Amino acid sequence: MGIIMQSQIHCPDCSNTIHLDTKLLLSGQSFMCTGCGLSVSLSAGSHTLVQQAVQGFDRLAAMKDDVGKQASQYFRKNRI
C-alpha cells in the first residue's frame, strides 16, 4: 500500500469524531472513540473489500502522478 490514508468517521454511539489510519485498520488495529470508549474495527467480511478499494485508490493516485509528469514534460517541450 503506497499511500497512508487518514480518515475519520463519526462514532455510532456518541457522534464524536474517530480518527483512523486505513493501513492500520487493514492490519487489524481497532480505533477507540475518545468520547465514549467504543472500539471500531473492520469486520472479517469487510477486509477484502476495503483492501481492494485502497489498492484501487493507490493505482489512481499513481496514474494521476504519471499524467501530471507527462503534461509537464509536454508543456516544457512545446514551451506552452
N, C-alpha and C. Protein backbone atom coordinates (compact mmCIF):
# COMPACT_ATOMS: atom_id res chain seq x y z
N MET A 1 0.84 -1.16 0.00
CA MET A 1 0.00 0.00 0.00
C MET A 1 0.89 1.23 0.00
N GLY A 2 0.75 2.06 -0.99
CA GLY A 2 1.65 3.19 -1.12
C GLY A 2 1.26 4.41 -0.32
N ILE A 3 0.00 4.70 -0.24
CA ILE A 3 -0.45 5.93 0.40
C ILE A 3 -1.09 5.61 1.73
N ILE A 4 -0.70 6.36 2.75
CA ILE A 4 -1.36 6.23 4.04
C ILE A 4 -2.58 7.13 4.01
N MET A 5 -3.71 6.54 4.20
CA MET A 5 -4.95 7.30 4.10
C MET A 5 -5.50 7.59 5.50
N GLN A 6 -5.41 8.84 5.89
CA GLN A 6 -6.00 9.26 7.14
C GLN A 6 -7.48 9.51 6.86
N SER A 7 -8.30 9.10 7.77
CA SER A 7 -9.73 9.26 7.60
C SER A 7 -10.37 9.51 8.95
N GLN A 8 -11.62 9.81 8.91
CA GLN A 8 -12.35 9.96 10.15
C GLN A 8 -13.79 9.52 9.93
N ILE A 9 -14.38 9.00 10.97
CA ILE A 9 -15.78 8.61 10.96
C ILE A 9 -16.42 9.15 12.22
N HIS A 10 -17.73 9.17 12.22
CA HIS A 10 -18.45 9.57 13.43
C HIS A 10 -18.80 8.32 14.23
N CYS A 11 -18.58 8.38 15.52
CA CYS A 11 -18.91 7.27 16.40
C CYS A 11 -20.41 6.98 16.31
N PRO A 12 -20.79 5.72 16.11
CA PRO A 12 -22.21 5.39 16.03
C PRO A 12 -22.94 5.56 17.36
N ASP A 13 -22.20 5.59 18.47
CA ASP A 13 -22.84 5.74 19.78
C ASP A 13 -22.99 7.19 20.21
N CYS A 14 -21.91 8.00 20.08
CA CYS A 14 -21.96 9.36 20.62
C CYS A 14 -21.72 10.45 19.58
N SER A 15 -21.47 10.08 18.34
CA SER A 15 -21.22 11.01 17.22
C SER A 15 -19.91 11.77 17.31
N ASN A 16 -19.04 11.43 18.27
CA ASN A 16 -17.72 12.03 18.35
C ASN A 16 -16.91 11.60 17.12
N THR A 17 -15.94 12.40 16.70
CA THR A 17 -15.10 12.05 15.56
C THR A 17 -14.03 11.05 15.98
N ILE A 18 -13.93 9.95 15.22
CA ILE A 18 -12.89 8.95 15.44
C ILE A 18 -11.93 9.04 14.26
N HIS A 19 -10.67 9.37 14.54
CA HIS A 19 -9.64 9.45 13.50
C HIS A 19 -9.02 8.07 13.35
N LEU A 20 -8.81 7.66 12.09
CA LEU A 20 -8.20 6.35 11.86
C LEU A 20 -7.27 6.39 10.66
N ASP A 21 -6.42 5.41 10.59
CA ASP A 21 -5.45 5.24 9.51
C ASP A 21 -5.82 3.94 8.79
N THR A 22 -6.12 4.04 7.51
CA THR A 22 -6.60 2.89 6.75
C THR A 22 -5.62 1.72 6.77
N LYS A 23 -4.33 2.02 6.67
CA LYS A 23 -3.33 0.95 6.68
C LYS A 23 -3.38 0.18 8.00
N LEU A 24 -3.47 0.91 9.10
CA LEU A 24 -3.56 0.26 10.41
C LEU A 24 -4.88 -0.48 10.57
N LEU A 25 -5.95 0.09 10.04
CA LEU A 25 -7.26 -0.56 10.10
C LEU A 25 -7.20 -1.90 9.36
N LEU A 26 -6.56 -1.91 8.18
CA LEU A 26 -6.43 -3.15 7.41
C LEU A 26 -5.54 -4.17 8.09
N SER A 27 -4.61 -3.71 8.92
CA SER A 27 -3.73 -4.64 9.62
C SER A 27 -4.40 -5.25 10.84
N GLY A 28 -5.63 -4.83 11.12
CA GLY A 28 -6.38 -5.42 12.22
C GLY A 28 -6.48 -4.55 13.45
N GLN A 29 -5.88 -3.37 13.41
CA GLN A 29 -5.95 -2.49 14.58
C GLN A 29 -7.35 -1.91 14.73
N SER A 30 -7.76 -1.76 15.96
CA SER A 30 -9.03 -1.10 16.23
C SER A 30 -8.75 0.32 16.70
N PHE A 31 -9.75 1.15 16.59
CA PHE A 31 -9.64 2.55 16.99
C PHE A 31 -10.73 2.84 18.00
N MET A 32 -10.37 3.60 19.03
CA MET A 32 -11.30 3.86 20.11
C MET A 32 -11.82 5.29 20.05
N CYS A 33 -13.09 5.43 20.30
CA CYS A 33 -13.72 6.74 20.41
C CYS A 33 -13.27 7.37 21.73
N THR A 34 -12.75 8.59 21.65
CA THR A 34 -12.32 9.28 22.86
C THR A 34 -13.50 9.83 23.65
N GLY A 35 -14.67 9.85 23.02
CA GLY A 35 -15.85 10.36 23.71
C GLY A 35 -16.53 9.33 24.60
N CYS A 36 -16.67 8.11 24.09
CA CYS A 36 -17.43 7.10 24.85
C CYS A 36 -16.68 5.78 25.04
N GLY A 37 -15.52 5.63 24.37
CA GLY A 37 -14.73 4.41 24.54
C GLY A 37 -15.10 3.27 23.60
N LEU A 38 -16.04 3.49 22.69
CA LEU A 38 -16.42 2.45 21.73
C LEU A 38 -15.23 2.09 20.85
N SER A 39 -15.02 0.81 20.61
CA SER A 39 -13.93 0.34 19.77
C SER A 39 -14.47 0.05 18.37
N VAL A 40 -13.77 0.56 17.35
CA VAL A 40 -14.19 0.39 15.96
C VAL A 40 -13.09 -0.36 15.22
N SER A 41 -13.48 -1.40 14.47
CA SER A 41 -12.54 -2.16 13.65
C SER A 41 -13.28 -2.71 12.44
N LEU A 42 -12.53 -3.29 11.50
CA LEU A 42 -13.14 -3.90 10.33
C LEU A 42 -13.66 -5.28 10.68
N SER A 43 -14.83 -5.60 10.15
CA SER A 43 -15.31 -6.97 10.29
C SER A 43 -14.52 -7.84 9.31
N ALA A 44 -14.46 -9.11 9.57
CA ALA A 44 -13.70 -10.03 8.72
C ALA A 44 -14.19 -9.97 7.27
N GLY A 45 -15.48 -9.81 7.07
CA GLY A 45 -16.04 -9.76 5.72
C GLY A 45 -15.72 -8.48 4.96
N SER A 46 -15.38 -7.42 5.66
CA SER A 46 -15.09 -6.13 5.03
C SER A 46 -13.64 -5.98 4.62
N HIS A 47 -12.76 -6.77 5.19
CA HIS A 47 -11.32 -6.60 4.99
C HIS A 47 -10.94 -6.62 3.52
N THR A 48 -11.40 -7.61 2.77
CA THR A 48 -11.04 -7.75 1.36
C THR A 48 -11.56 -6.57 0.54
N LEU A 49 -12.80 -6.18 0.78
CA LEU A 49 -13.40 -5.07 0.04
C LEU A 49 -12.64 -3.76 0.28
N VAL A 50 -12.33 -3.48 1.53
CA VAL A 50 -11.60 -2.25 1.86
C VAL A 50 -10.19 -2.30 1.28
N GLN A 51 -9.54 -3.45 1.35
CA GLN A 51 -8.19 -3.59 0.80
C GLN A 51 -8.20 -3.34 -0.71
N GLN A 52 -9.21 -3.87 -1.41
CA GLN A 52 -9.31 -3.66 -2.85
C GLN A 52 -9.55 -2.18 -3.16
N ALA A 53 -10.37 -1.52 -2.36
CA ALA A 53 -10.63 -0.10 -2.56
C ALA A 53 -9.36 0.72 -2.37
N VAL A 54 -8.59 0.41 -1.34
CA VAL A 54 -7.35 1.14 -1.08
C VAL A 54 -6.35 0.90 -2.21
N GLN A 55 -6.25 -0.33 -2.68
CA GLN A 55 -5.35 -0.63 -3.80
C GLN A 55 -5.78 0.12 -5.06
N GLY A 56 -7.09 0.20 -5.29
CA GLY A 56 -7.60 0.97 -6.42
C GLY A 56 -7.25 2.45 -6.29
N PHE A 57 -7.37 2.98 -5.08
CA PHE A 57 -7.01 4.37 -4.83
C PHE A 57 -5.53 4.59 -5.11
N ASP A 58 -4.69 3.66 -4.66
CA ASP A 58 -3.24 3.76 -4.91
C ASP A 58 -2.94 3.78 -6.41
N ARG A 59 -3.64 2.92 -7.17
CA ARG A 59 -3.44 2.88 -8.62
C ARG A 59 -3.85 4.21 -9.27
N LEU A 60 -5.00 4.75 -8.84
CA LEU A 60 -5.45 6.03 -9.38
C LEU A 60 -4.48 7.16 -9.05
N ALA A 61 -3.97 7.16 -7.83
CA ALA A 61 -3.01 8.19 -7.43
C ALA A 61 -1.74 8.10 -8.28
N ALA A 62 -1.28 6.88 -8.56
CA ALA A 62 -0.09 6.69 -9.39
C ALA A 62 -0.36 7.16 -10.82
N MET A 63 -1.55 6.87 -11.34
CA MET A 63 -1.91 7.31 -12.69
C MET A 63 -1.96 8.83 -12.75
N LYS A 64 -2.52 9.45 -11.73
CA LYS A 64 -2.60 10.91 -11.67
C LYS A 64 -1.20 11.52 -11.69
N ASP A 65 -0.31 10.96 -10.90
CA ASP A 65 1.07 11.46 -10.87
C ASP A 65 1.73 11.31 -12.24
N ASP A 66 1.50 10.19 -12.89
CA ASP A 66 2.10 9.93 -14.20
C ASP A 66 1.57 10.92 -15.24
N VAL A 67 0.26 11.16 -15.23
CA VAL A 67 -0.33 12.11 -16.17
C VAL A 67 0.22 13.51 -15.93
N GLY A 68 0.38 13.89 -14.66
CA GLY A 68 0.94 15.19 -14.34
C GLY A 68 2.36 15.35 -14.85
N LYS A 69 3.17 14.32 -14.70
CA LYS A 69 4.55 14.35 -15.19
C LYS A 69 4.58 14.46 -16.72
N GLN A 70 3.71 13.68 -17.38
CA GLN A 70 3.67 13.72 -18.83
C GLN A 70 3.23 15.09 -19.32
N ALA A 71 2.25 15.69 -18.67
CA ALA A 71 1.78 17.02 -19.06
C ALA A 71 2.88 18.06 -18.87
N SER A 72 3.59 17.98 -17.77
CA SER A 72 4.69 18.93 -17.52
C SER A 72 5.77 18.80 -18.59
N GLN A 73 6.10 17.57 -18.95
CA GLN A 73 7.11 17.35 -19.99
C GLN A 73 6.64 17.90 -21.33
N TYR A 74 5.37 17.69 -21.64
CA TYR A 74 4.81 18.18 -22.90
C TYR A 74 4.87 19.71 -22.95
N PHE A 75 4.45 20.36 -21.86
CA PHE A 75 4.43 21.82 -21.84
C PHE A 75 5.84 22.40 -21.90
N ARG A 76 6.79 21.77 -21.23
CA ARG A 76 8.18 22.23 -21.31
C ARG A 76 8.73 22.06 -22.73
N LYS A 77 8.45 20.91 -23.32
CA LYS A 77 8.95 20.62 -24.66
C LYS A 77 8.36 21.58 -25.69
N ASN A 78 7.09 21.88 -25.54
CA ASN A 78 6.39 22.72 -26.51
C ASN A 78 6.31 24.19 -26.07
N ARG A 79 6.96 24.50 -24.97
CA ARG A 79 7.01 25.87 -24.43
C ARG A 79 5.64 26.51 -24.34
N ILE A 80 4.74 25.78 -23.77
CA ILE A 80 3.37 26.27 -23.60
C ILE A 80 3.23 26.86 -22.22
